[in-house]
Protein backbone atom coordinates (compact mmCIF):
# COMPACT_ATOMS: atom_id res chain seq x y z
CA MET A 1 -5.47 12.50 -15.96
CA SER A 2 -5.30 12.39 -12.18
CA VAL A 3 -8.43 12.10 -10.03
CA ALA A 4 -9.23 13.84 -6.75
CA LEU A 5 -8.72 11.13 -4.14
CA ALA A 6 -10.85 10.79 -1.03
CA HIS A 7 -8.57 11.47 1.91
CA GLU A 8 -8.30 12.61 5.50
CA GLU A 9 -5.61 14.28 7.56
CA LEU A 10 -4.80 13.40 11.15
CA GLY A 11 -2.55 15.21 13.58
CA PRO A 12 -1.16 18.74 13.78
CA ALA A 13 -0.83 20.82 10.63
CA ASP A 14 2.81 21.59 11.44
CA GLY A 15 3.83 17.97 12.16
CA PRO A 16 6.15 15.93 9.93
CA VAL A 17 4.11 14.66 7.00
CA VAL A 18 3.62 10.92 6.49
CA VAL A 19 1.45 9.62 3.65
CA LEU A 20 0.12 6.06 3.93
CA ALA A 21 -0.99 4.09 0.85
CA HIS A 22 -3.15 0.95 1.08
CA SER A 23 -3.38 -2.38 -0.74
CA ILE A 24 -5.59 -3.42 -3.65
CA GLY A 25 -9.10 -4.33 -2.58
CA THR A 26 -9.04 -2.37 0.67
CA SER A 27 -9.13 1.28 1.75
CA ARG A 28 -7.37 3.67 4.09
CA ILE A 29 -8.73 1.63 7.03
CA VAL A 30 -5.70 -0.66 6.62
CA TRP A 31 -3.41 2.04 8.05
CA ARG A 32 -5.77 3.52 10.63
CA ALA A 33 -4.17 2.05 13.77
CA VAL A 34 -0.66 2.93 12.56
CA ALA A 35 -1.77 6.47 11.77
CA ASP A 36 -3.33 6.92 15.19
CA GLU A 37 -0.10 5.84 16.87
CA LEU A 38 2.09 8.14 14.76
CA VAL A 39 -0.17 11.05 15.63
CA ALA A 40 -0.44 10.26 19.34
CA ARG A 41 3.21 9.43 19.99
CA ASP A 42 5.05 11.48 17.39
CA GLY A 43 2.83 14.42 16.54
CA ALA A 44 2.92 13.48 12.87
CA ARG A 45 0.63 14.93 10.25
CA VAL A 46 -0.66 11.76 8.63
CA VAL A 47 -2.45 11.69 5.28
CA LEU A 48 -4.68 8.69 4.61
CA PHE A 49 -6.33 8.25 1.21
CA ASP A 50 -8.21 5.79 -0.98
CA HIS A 51 -6.72 4.87 -4.35
CA ARG A 52 -8.86 5.49 -7.42
CA GLY A 53 -11.45 2.73 -7.73
CA HIS A 54 -11.37 2.07 -3.98
CA GLY A 55 -13.13 3.28 -0.88
CA GLU A 56 -14.70 6.70 -1.35
CA SER A 57 -12.52 7.77 -4.29
CA PRO A 58 -13.82 8.13 -7.87
CA ILE A 59 -13.91 5.10 -10.17
CA PRO A 60 -12.70 6.30 -13.57
CA ASP A 61 -12.91 3.96 -16.53
CA GLY A 62 -10.07 1.44 -16.63
CA PRO A 63 -7.75 -0.18 -17.06
CA TYR A 64 -5.38 1.81 -14.87
CA ALA A 65 -1.61 2.07 -15.06
CA LEU A 66 0.64 2.31 -12.02
CA SER A 67 1.71 5.75 -13.24
CA ASP A 68 -1.94 6.85 -13.03
CA LEU A 69 -2.12 5.91 -9.35
CA ALA A 70 1.21 7.62 -8.65
CA ALA A 71 0.00 10.77 -10.42
CA ASP A 72 -3.10 10.72 -8.20
CA LEU A 73 -0.85 10.66 -5.14
CA VAL A 74 1.27 13.58 -6.36
CA ALA A 75 -1.88 15.53 -7.23
CA LEU A 76 -3.14 14.95 -3.69
CA LEU A 77 0.10 16.43 -2.32
CA ASP A 78 -0.50 19.42 -4.57
CA ARG A 79 -4.07 19.87 -3.31
CA LEU A 80 -2.86 19.73 0.29
CA GLU A 81 0.05 22.08 -0.47
CA ILE A 82 2.58 19.52 0.73
CA PRO A 83 5.83 20.04 -1.18
CA ARG A 84 7.55 16.90 0.09
CA ALA A 85 6.44 13.92 2.19
CA ALA A 86 7.54 10.61 3.63
CA VAL A 87 5.51 7.84 2.01
CA ALA A 88 4.77 4.34 3.26
CA GLY A 89 2.80 1.82 1.25
CA VAL A 90 1.66 -1.75 1.71
CA SER A 91 1.27 -4.08 -1.28
CA LEU A 92 -0.24 -1.94 -4.08
CA GLY A 93 0.52 1.10 -1.93
CA GLY A 94 4.21 0.23 -1.97
CA MET A 95 4.14 -0.11 -5.75
CA VAL A 96 2.51 3.30 -6.06
CA ALA A 97 5.03 4.77 -3.63
CA MET A 98 7.92 3.45 -5.72
CA ARG A 99 6.41 4.80 -8.93
CA ALA A 100 5.88 8.21 -7.31
CA ALA A 101 9.47 8.24 -6.03
CA LEU A 102 10.67 7.53 -9.57
CA ASP A 103 8.34 9.94 -11.37
CA ALA A 104 8.48 12.80 -8.85
CA PRO A 105 11.64 12.28 -6.76
CA ASP A 106 11.52 15.81 -5.39
CA ARG A 107 8.17 15.07 -3.71
CA VAL A 108 9.16 11.91 -1.80
CA SER A 109 11.58 12.40 1.08
CA SER A 110 11.73 8.77 2.27
CA LEU A 111 10.03 5.45 1.67
CA VAL A 112 8.77 2.46 3.60
CA LEU A 113 7.85 -0.40 1.29
CA CYS A 114 5.79 -2.95 3.20
CA CYS A 115 4.90 -6.41 1.91
CA THR A 116 5.22 -5.33 -1.69
CA SER A 117 7.04 -6.10 -4.92
CA ALA A 118 8.49 -4.63 -8.09
CA HIS A 119 7.00 -7.37 -10.27
CA MET A 120 4.05 -9.71 -9.69
CA PRO A 121 3.76 -12.42 -12.36
CA PRO A 122 2.06 -14.39 -13.81
CA ARG A 123 0.01 -12.02 -15.91
CA SER A 124 -2.69 -14.65 -16.23
CA LEU A 125 -3.39 -14.49 -12.48
CA TRP A 126 -4.31 -10.80 -12.68
CA ASP A 127 -6.31 -11.33 -15.85
CA GLU A 128 -8.32 -13.99 -14.04
CA ARG A 129 -8.91 -11.85 -10.96
CA ALA A 130 -9.93 -8.87 -13.08
CA GLN A 131 -12.32 -11.04 -15.08
CA THR A 132 -13.85 -12.55 -11.96
CA ALA A 133 -14.38 -9.16 -10.33
CA SER A 134 -15.88 -7.70 -13.50
CA THR A 135 -18.31 -10.55 -14.15
CA GLU A 136 -19.07 -12.00 -10.70
CA GLY A 137 -18.20 -9.25 -8.23
CA MET A 138 -15.84 -9.46 -5.27
CA GLY A 139 -17.56 -12.38 -3.55
CA PRO A 140 -15.68 -15.26 -5.24
CA LEU A 141 -12.31 -13.60 -4.52
CA ILE A 142 -12.66 -12.88 -0.82
CA GLU A 143 -11.77 -16.24 0.74
CA GLY A 144 -8.58 -16.67 -1.27
CA ILE A 145 -7.48 -13.11 -0.65
CA ILE A 146 -8.05 -13.27 3.11
CA ALA A 147 -6.15 -16.54 3.36
CA ARG A 148 -3.05 -14.90 1.87
CA TRP A 149 -3.38 -11.60 3.68
CA VAL A 150 -3.43 -12.56 7.35
CA ALA A 151 -1.47 -15.11 9.37
CA PRO A 152 -3.09 -18.34 10.56
CA GLY A 153 -5.17 -17.85 13.68
CA TYR A 154 -5.79 -14.14 13.11
CA GLU A 155 -9.57 -14.59 13.00
CA GLU A 156 -9.46 -16.15 16.47
CA ARG A 157 -7.05 -13.56 17.86
CA ASP A 158 -9.05 -10.55 16.64
CA PRO A 159 -12.45 -11.54 15.22
CA GLY A 160 -13.63 -7.93 15.02
CA ALA A 161 -10.69 -6.82 12.88
CA TYR A 162 -11.02 -9.92 10.72
CA THR A 163 -14.69 -9.18 10.07
CA ARG A 164 -13.94 -5.53 9.26
CA LEU A 165 -11.35 -6.62 6.70
CA ARG A 166 -13.84 -8.95 5.02
CA THR A 167 -16.38 -6.12 4.95
CA VAL A 168 -13.92 -3.74 3.29
CA LEU A 169 -13.04 -6.32 0.66
CA ALA A 170 -16.69 -7.03 -0.07
CA ALA A 171 -17.39 -3.31 -0.43
CA THR A 172 -14.58 -2.67 -2.93
CA PRO A 173 -16.06 -1.61 -6.29
CA PRO A 174 -15.52 -4.55 -8.66
CA ASP A 175 -14.64 -2.30 -11.61
CA GLY A 176 -12.08 -0.46 -9.49
CA TYR A 177 -10.54 -3.73 -8.34
CA ALA A 178 -10.42 -5.11 -11.89
CA SER A 179 -8.83 -1.99 -13.36
CA THR A 180 -6.24 -1.89 -10.58
CA ALA A 181 -5.44 -5.58 -10.98
CA LEU A 182 -4.46 -4.85 -14.58
CA ALA A 183 -2.11 -2.12 -13.36
CA ILE A 184 -0.35 -4.69 -11.18
CA ARG A 185 -0.33 -7.15 -14.09
CA ASP A 186 1.55 -4.67 -16.27
CA MET A 187 3.99 -3.47 -13.59
CA ASP A 188 7.70 -4.22 -13.80
CA LEU A 189 9.88 -1.83 -11.81
CA ARG A 190 12.87 -4.14 -11.42
CA ASP A 191 15.22 -2.31 -13.76
CA GLU A 192 14.24 1.08 -12.35
CA LEU A 193 14.84 0.29 -8.69
CA PRO A 194 18.47 1.57 -8.71
CA ASN A 195 17.06 4.98 -9.68
CA ILE A 196 15.13 5.41 -6.44
CA ALA A 197 16.93 8.12 -4.47
CA ALA A 198 14.74 8.31 -1.36
CA PRO A 199 16.09 6.56 1.76
CA THR A 200 14.17 3.29 1.82
CA LEU A 201 13.15 0.71 4.39
CA VAL A 202 11.72 -2.57 3.12
CA LEU A 203 9.43 -4.43 5.51
CA VAL A 204 8.47 -8.07 4.98
CA GLY A 205 5.99 -10.20 6.87
CA SER A 206 7.39 -13.47 8.16
CA GLU A 207 4.19 -15.27 7.09
CA ASP A 208 3.56 -13.37 3.85
CA GLN A 209 2.44 -15.72 1.08
CA ALA A 210 1.68 -13.02 -1.49
CA THR A 211 5.03 -11.17 -1.50
CA PRO A 212 7.45 -13.27 0.56
CA ALA A 213 10.90 -11.90 1.29
CA GLU A 214 12.51 -14.30 -1.18
CA GLY A 215 11.96 -12.94 -4.66
CA HIS A 216 10.18 -9.78 -3.52
CA GLY A 217 11.34 -7.89 -0.42
CA GLU A 218 14.93 -9.08 -0.74
CA LEU A 219 15.05 -7.94 -4.36
CA LEU A 220 13.87 -4.47 -3.39
CA ALA A 221 16.47 -4.22 -0.65
CA GLU A 222 19.22 -5.41 -2.99
CA ARG A 223 18.46 -3.09 -5.90
CA ILE A 224 17.36 0.14 -4.20
CA PRO A 225 20.52 2.01 -3.18
CA ASP A 226 21.30 1.70 0.55
CA ALA A 227 17.87 0.21 1.34
CA ARG A 228 17.42 -1.66 4.62
CA LEU A 229 15.39 -4.83 5.12
CA ALA A 230 13.43 -5.72 8.27
CA THR A 231 10.97 -8.46 9.14
CA ILE A 232 7.66 -8.17 10.97
CA ALA A 233 7.26 -11.39 12.95
CA ASP A 234 3.96 -13.30 12.87
CA ALA A 235 2.57 -11.06 10.11
CA ALA A 236 1.31 -11.99 6.68
CA HIS A 237 0.63 -9.65 3.75
CA LEU A 238 -1.33 -6.93 5.56
CA ALA A 239 1.26 -6.30 8.25
CA PRO A 240 0.11 -2.72 9.04
CA TYR A 241 -3.39 -4.00 9.76
CA GLU A 242 -2.33 -7.15 11.56
CA ARG A 243 0.67 -5.81 13.51
CA PRO A 244 0.20 -2.03 13.68
CA ALA A 245 2.38 -1.38 16.73
CA GLU A 246 5.38 -3.15 15.21
CA VAL A 247 4.94 -1.45 11.84
CA ALA A 248 4.49 1.96 13.50
CA ALA A 249 7.75 1.47 15.38
CA HIS A 250 9.61 0.88 12.12
CA LEU A 251 7.98 3.90 10.49
CA ARG A 252 8.89 6.00 13.50
CA ASP A 253 12.55 5.01 13.30
CA HIS A 254 12.88 5.37 9.54
CA LEU A 255 10.56 8.24 8.64
CA LEU A 256 10.55 10.30 11.83
CA GLY A 257 13.71 9.28 13.68
């Protein structure tokens, strides 16, 4: 059963709709700067939301499946009376966007898949992270996550943004994180990628350690019909947070151009 996601809308009600989906362990703050630019420069109607188990959204009992998170997204479109939307997602958000495009193709007009993957083995890694979050909280996970998510030197370049990211991670409900980690553990979209009909842009971060282009972004671009691949220079896994202007430019060209 879908849950009512915490969300907010930015921009004019009659603007082109863009829905932005965030990564595991974060919240809609990851896309804030990109959303502000799409509203200011393009007059877009941007929908930001928190996945179940994250931010201000409900935390239903887990584990979750990727189809659950995709159903939440489609239910949000229903609540907002949006028949069809462009969807961009980073990491987990990209996985949810793909699942939504497969399960409800009439609701997704185009896709941007940023620093994401169709398959994230080994399963044991996600079991360990879920167990740690459930028994010890988010604290023991934060340092390792941050190291993979932003490029070297980011803390020095933007200490305020770095601190905000740590704060969001620390505030993520451990049960929500654990249940979502198991959804990623069980995900394998590789054989379904050729069935995605929405025009798709795949973005990869040049410094991404979590979902590097080789084995992840390149696979998406190869298997999704007519998908394009582009690289965000000097960005790691959270490219929309780290390089919002560059990511916004790609969204503008692909989703709004």
